[in-house]
Amino acid sequence: MILTEIKNYKLKLWFYINGLGAVFALAFAILQVTTHHPQLGIIAFLCAGYFTTVVYFLRKKKQYLWRGR
């Protein structure tokens, strides 16, 4: 019972951290593209895509993207 609560808490924490990472990376990417730094904007868009993928796996599959230790 306690282990499932801990697992659910960890999933929620990862979900919120990666969700905020996606939002801030997307905002940073838009800022960089509008200030004429397209290379940095592309890298930030890739980071936002990664965070979004992690959020998808946390939401749908109920597991973290990488199962390392």
N, C-alpha and C. Protein backbone atom coordinates (compact mmCIF):
# COMPACT_ATOMS: atom_id res chain seq x y z
N MET A 1 0.83 -1.18 0.00
CA MET A 1 0.00 0.00 0.00
C MET A 1 0.88 1.25 0.00
N ILE A 2 1.84 1.31 0.86
CA ILE A 2 2.70 2.49 0.92
C ILE A 2 3.57 2.57 -0.33
N LEU A 3 4.01 1.42 -0.84
CA LEU A 3 4.84 1.43 -2.05
C LEU A 3 4.07 1.96 -3.25
N THR A 4 2.78 1.65 -3.36
CA THR A 4 1.99 2.19 -4.48
C THR A 4 1.79 3.69 -4.33
N GLU A 5 1.64 4.15 -3.09
CA GLU A 5 1.52 5.59 -2.86
C GLU A 5 2.81 6.33 -3.24
N ILE A 6 3.94 5.73 -2.90
CA ILE A 6 5.22 6.33 -3.25
C ILE A 6 5.39 6.36 -4.77
N LYS A 7 5.02 5.26 -5.43
CA LYS A 7 5.13 5.19 -6.89
C LYS A 7 4.23 6.23 -7.54
N ASN A 8 3.00 6.39 -7.06
CA ASN A 8 2.10 7.39 -7.60
C ASN A 8 2.62 8.80 -7.37
N TYR A 9 3.21 9.03 -6.20
CA TYR A 9 3.78 10.34 -5.91
C TYR A 9 4.94 10.65 -6.85
N LYS A 10 5.81 9.66 -7.08
CA LYS A 10 6.94 9.86 -7.99
C LYS A 10 6.45 10.14 -9.41
N LEU A 11 5.42 9.43 -9.86
CA LEU A 11 4.89 9.67 -11.20
C LEU A 11 4.32 11.08 -11.31
N LYS A 12 3.59 11.53 -10.29
CA LYS A 12 3.04 12.89 -10.32
C LYS A 12 4.15 13.93 -10.33
N LEU A 13 5.17 13.70 -9.52
CA LEU A 13 6.28 14.63 -9.45
C LEU A 13 7.01 14.72 -10.79
N TRP A 14 7.30 13.58 -11.40
CA TRP A 14 7.94 13.57 -12.72
C TRP A 14 7.05 14.24 -13.75
N PHE A 15 5.73 14.00 -13.66
CA PHE A 15 4.79 14.60 -14.61
C PHE A 15 4.83 16.12 -14.52
N TYR A 16 4.77 16.66 -13.32
CA TYR A 16 4.76 18.12 -13.16
C TYR A 16 6.10 18.74 -13.54
N ILE A 17 7.19 18.12 -13.16
CA ILE A 17 8.51 18.67 -13.49
C ILE A 17 8.72 18.68 -15.00
N ASN A 18 8.39 17.59 -15.66
CA ASN A 18 8.58 17.53 -17.11
C ASN A 18 7.57 18.41 -17.84
N GLY A 19 6.37 18.54 -17.30
CA GLY A 19 5.39 19.45 -17.90
C GLY A 19 5.87 20.90 -17.84
N LEU A 20 6.39 21.29 -16.69
CA LEU A 20 6.94 22.65 -16.58
C LEU A 20 8.16 22.83 -17.48
N GLY A 21 8.98 21.79 -17.58
CA GLY A 21 10.13 21.85 -18.48
C GLY A 21 9.70 22.06 -19.92
N ALA A 22 8.64 21.38 -20.34
CA ALA A 22 8.14 21.53 -21.71
C ALA A 22 7.62 22.95 -21.95
N VAL A 23 6.90 23.47 -20.98
CA VAL A 23 6.35 24.83 -21.14
C VAL A 23 7.47 25.87 -21.22
N PHE A 24 8.43 25.78 -20.31
CA PHE A 24 9.52 26.75 -20.31
C PHE A 24 10.44 26.59 -21.51
N ALA A 25 10.69 25.36 -21.95
CA ALA A 25 11.53 25.15 -23.13
C ALA A 25 10.84 25.70 -24.37
N LEU A 26 9.53 25.52 -24.45
CA LEU A 26 8.79 26.06 -25.59
C LEU A 26 8.80 27.59 -25.58
N ALA A 27 8.61 28.18 -24.42
CA ALA A 27 8.66 29.64 -24.33
C ALA A 27 10.06 30.16 -24.68
N PHE A 28 11.09 29.47 -24.22
CA PHE A 28 12.46 29.86 -24.53
C PHE A 28 12.73 29.72 -26.02
N ALA A 29 12.22 28.66 -26.64
CA ALA A 29 12.41 28.46 -28.07
C ALA A 29 11.76 29.58 -28.88
N ILE A 30 10.55 29.94 -28.50
CA ILE A 30 9.86 31.02 -29.21
C ILE A 30 10.62 32.34 -29.05
N LEU A 31 11.11 32.60 -27.85
CA LEU A 31 11.88 33.80 -27.60
C LEU A 31 13.14 33.84 -28.47
N GLN A 32 13.84 32.73 -28.57
CA GLN A 32 15.07 32.69 -29.34
C GLN A 32 14.81 32.84 -30.84
N VAL A 33 13.74 32.25 -31.33
CA VAL A 33 13.43 32.38 -32.76
C VAL A 33 13.04 33.81 -33.09
N THR A 34 12.29 34.46 -32.20
CA THR A 34 11.87 35.84 -32.48
C THR A 34 13.01 36.84 -32.31
N THR A 35 14.07 36.48 -31.59
CA THR A 35 15.22 37.38 -31.44
C THR A 35 16.37 36.99 -32.36
N HIS A 36 16.03 36.26 -33.44
CA HIS A 36 16.98 35.95 -34.52
C HIS A 36 18.14 35.06 -34.06
N HIS A 37 17.83 34.04 -33.27
CA HIS A 37 18.80 33.01 -32.90
C HIS A 37 18.17 31.65 -33.24
N PRO A 38 18.08 31.32 -34.53
CA PRO A 38 17.33 30.11 -34.92
C PRO A 38 17.97 28.80 -34.46
N GLN A 39 19.29 28.74 -34.38
CA GLN A 39 19.93 27.49 -33.96
C GLN A 39 19.57 27.15 -32.51
N LEU A 40 19.64 28.14 -31.66
CA LEU A 40 19.28 27.93 -30.26
C LEU A 40 17.79 27.63 -30.13
N GLY A 41 16.98 28.26 -30.97
CA GLY A 41 15.55 27.99 -30.96
C GLY A 41 15.23 26.56 -31.35
N ILE A 42 15.95 26.03 -32.35
CA ILE A 42 15.73 24.65 -32.77
C ILE A 42 16.11 23.68 -31.65
N ILE A 43 17.23 23.94 -30.99
CA ILE A 43 17.64 23.08 -29.87
C ILE A 43 16.60 23.13 -28.76
N ALA A 44 16.08 24.30 -28.47
CA ALA A 44 15.06 24.42 -27.42
C ALA A 44 13.76 23.73 -27.83
N PHE A 45 13.39 23.78 -29.12
CA PHE A 45 12.21 23.05 -29.59
C PHE A 45 12.41 21.54 -29.43
N LEU A 46 13.62 21.05 -29.70
CA LEU A 46 13.90 19.63 -29.50
C LEU A 46 13.77 19.25 -28.03
N CYS A 47 14.25 20.12 -27.14
CA CYS A 47 14.11 19.86 -25.70
C CYS A 47 12.64 19.83 -25.29
N ALA A 48 11.86 20.76 -25.82
CA ALA A 48 10.43 20.78 -25.51
C ALA A 48 9.76 19.51 -26.02
N GLY A 49 10.18 19.02 -27.18
CA GLY A 49 9.65 17.77 -27.71
C GLY A 49 9.99 16.58 -26.82
N TYR A 50 11.21 16.57 -26.30
CA TYR A 50 11.62 15.50 -25.38
C TYR A 50 10.76 15.53 -24.12
N PHE A 51 10.61 16.70 -23.52
CA PHE A 51 9.80 16.80 -22.31
C PHE A 51 8.35 16.39 -22.57
N THR A 52 7.83 16.75 -23.73
CA THR A 52 6.46 16.38 -24.09
C THR A 52 6.34 14.87 -24.25
N THR A 53 7.35 14.24 -24.83
CA THR A 53 7.35 12.78 -24.97
C THR A 53 7.36 12.10 -23.59
N VAL A 54 8.15 12.63 -22.68
CA VAL A 54 8.19 12.07 -21.33
C VAL A 54 6.83 12.22 -20.66
N VAL A 55 6.20 13.37 -20.82
CA VAL A 55 4.87 13.59 -20.24
C VAL A 55 3.87 12.61 -20.83
N TYR A 56 3.96 12.35 -22.14
CA TYR A 56 3.06 11.39 -22.78
C TYR A 56 3.22 9.99 -22.17
N PHE A 57 4.47 9.55 -22.02
CA PHE A 57 4.70 8.22 -21.46
C PHE A 57 4.24 8.16 -20.00
N LEU A 58 4.42 9.23 -19.26
CA LEU A 58 3.96 9.23 -17.87
C LEU A 58 2.44 9.18 -17.80
N ARG A 59 1.78 9.85 -18.72
CA ARG A 59 0.31 9.93 -18.69
C ARG A 59 -0.33 8.64 -19.19
N LYS A 60 0.14 8.15 -20.33
CA LYS A 60 -0.51 7.00 -20.96
C LYS A 60 0.01 5.66 -20.47
N LYS A 61 1.32 5.54 -20.33
CA LYS A 61 1.91 4.24 -19.99
C LYS A 61 2.16 4.07 -18.50
N LYS A 62 2.06 5.14 -17.74
CA LYS A 62 2.29 5.13 -16.29
C LYS A 62 3.70 4.66 -15.95
N GLN A 63 4.67 5.03 -16.79
CA GLN A 63 6.06 4.72 -16.50
C GLN A 63 6.94 5.82 -17.09
N TYR A 64 8.13 5.93 -16.53
CA TYR A 64 9.08 6.92 -17.00
C TYR A 64 9.65 6.44 -18.33
N LEU A 65 10.08 7.38 -19.15
CA LEU A 65 10.56 7.05 -20.49
C LEU A 65 11.75 6.09 -20.45
N TRP A 66 12.71 6.37 -19.58
CA TRP A 66 13.89 5.52 -19.47
C TRP A 66 13.80 4.74 -18.16
N ARG A 67 14.06 3.48 -18.19
CA ARG A 67 13.91 2.64 -17.01
C ARG A 67 15.25 2.33 -16.38
N GLY A 68 16.15 3.29 -16.36
CA GLY A 68 17.46 3.10 -15.76
C GLY A 68 17.41 3.24 -14.25
N ARG A 69 18.53 3.06 -13.64
CA ARG A 69 18.59 3.18 -12.18
C ARG A 69 19.20 4.50 -11.78
